[in-house]
Protein backbone atom coordinates (compact mmCIF):
# COMPACT_ATOMS: atom_id res chain seq x y z
CA MET A 1 135.24 61.09 88.25
CA THR A 2 134.13 59.94 91.75
CA ARG A 3 134.66 56.39 92.57
CA MET A 4 131.82 54.28 93.99
CA THR A 5 133.90 53.60 97.10
CA ASP A 6 134.33 57.31 97.73
CA VAL A 7 130.63 57.88 97.48
CA LEU A 8 129.89 54.91 99.74
CA VAL A 9 132.45 56.04 102.37
CA GLU A 10 131.06 59.58 102.33
CA SER A 11 127.54 58.25 102.80
CA LEU A 12 128.63 55.98 105.63
CA ARG A 13 130.37 58.68 107.50
CA ALA A 14 127.23 60.83 107.41
CA GLN A 15 125.42 58.13 109.38
CA ASP A 16 125.37 57.13 113.01
CA PRO A 17 127.96 54.41 113.63
CA LEU A 18 125.69 51.41 114.24
CA PRO A 19 123.51 51.85 111.09
CA ALA A 20 126.75 52.45 109.17
CA LEU A 21 128.22 49.16 110.44
CA VAL A 22 125.03 47.33 109.36
CA GLU A 23 125.43 48.80 105.84
CA ILE A 24 129.16 47.93 105.80
CA ALA A 25 128.35 44.31 106.64
CA ARG A 26 125.69 44.14 103.91
CA ALA A 27 128.11 45.66 101.37
CA ARG A 28 130.90 43.31 102.39
CA ASN A 29 128.65 40.26 101.90
CA ALA A 30 127.40 41.63 98.53
CA LEU A 31 130.94 42.29 97.40
CA GLU A 32 132.23 38.87 98.38
CA ALA A 33 129.44 37.23 96.44
CA GLU A 34 130.15 39.44 93.43
CA THR A 35 133.91 38.78 93.67
CA GLU A 36 133.20 35.05 93.48
CA ILE A 37 130.99 35.55 90.43
CA GLN A 38 133.59 37.69 88.66
CA VAL A 39 136.44 35.22 89.46
CA ARG A 40 134.27 32.46 88.01
CA ARG A 41 133.59 34.48 84.92
CA ALA A 42 137.27 35.25 84.49
CA ARG A 43 138.27 31.60 84.86
CA ASN A 44 135.56 30.59 82.32
CA LEU A 45 137.08 33.07 79.90
CA GLY A 46 140.56 31.49 80.47
CA VAL A 47 142.00 34.21 82.58
CA SER A 48 144.97 32.97 84.64
CA TRP A 49 145.05 32.82 88.45
CA HIS A 50 148.02 35.19 88.23
CA LEU A 51 146.05 37.91 86.46
CA ILE A 52 143.01 37.43 88.73
CA ALA A 53 145.26 37.73 91.77
CA ALA A 54 146.97 40.86 90.36
CA ALA A 55 143.51 42.44 89.74
CA LEU A 56 142.43 41.68 93.39
CA GLY A 57 145.79 42.88 94.78
CA VAL A 58 146.66 39.50 96.43
CA SER A 59 149.04 36.65 95.72
CA LYS A 60 148.22 33.87 93.27
CA GLN A 61 148.35 31.42 96.11
CA ALA A 62 145.81 33.46 98.15
CA VAL A 63 143.29 33.75 95.32
CA HIS A 64 143.67 30.10 94.35
CA LYS A 65 143.18 28.99 97.93
CA LYS A 66 140.07 31.17 98.35
CA PHE A 67 138.42 30.49 95.00
CA GLY A 68 140.15 27.49 93.44
CA ARG A 69 138.51 24.62 95.34
CA GLY A 70 134.97 24.03 94.52
CA LEU A 71 134.83 26.83 91.96
CA LEU A 72 132.38 25.32 89.49
CA ARG A 73 132.76 26.28 85.97
CA ARG A 74 129.27 27.65 85.55
CA LYS A 75 128.09 30.76 83.95
């Protein structure tokens, strides 16, 4: 099975660099927004900061610093 990232990278490499950079910026912004949504969902379900950090491949301190403050418990 091909991963979405592999397909995205292959598509980007087929483009000229400047349009590819625009697409990378758009994807990064969309993924950051989606990451915040998924972290909020996980916290609303009672998932620990430790498990969220492990899923994101960062330290508990890093994920809590980035998402802990101001993370409203909304669905």
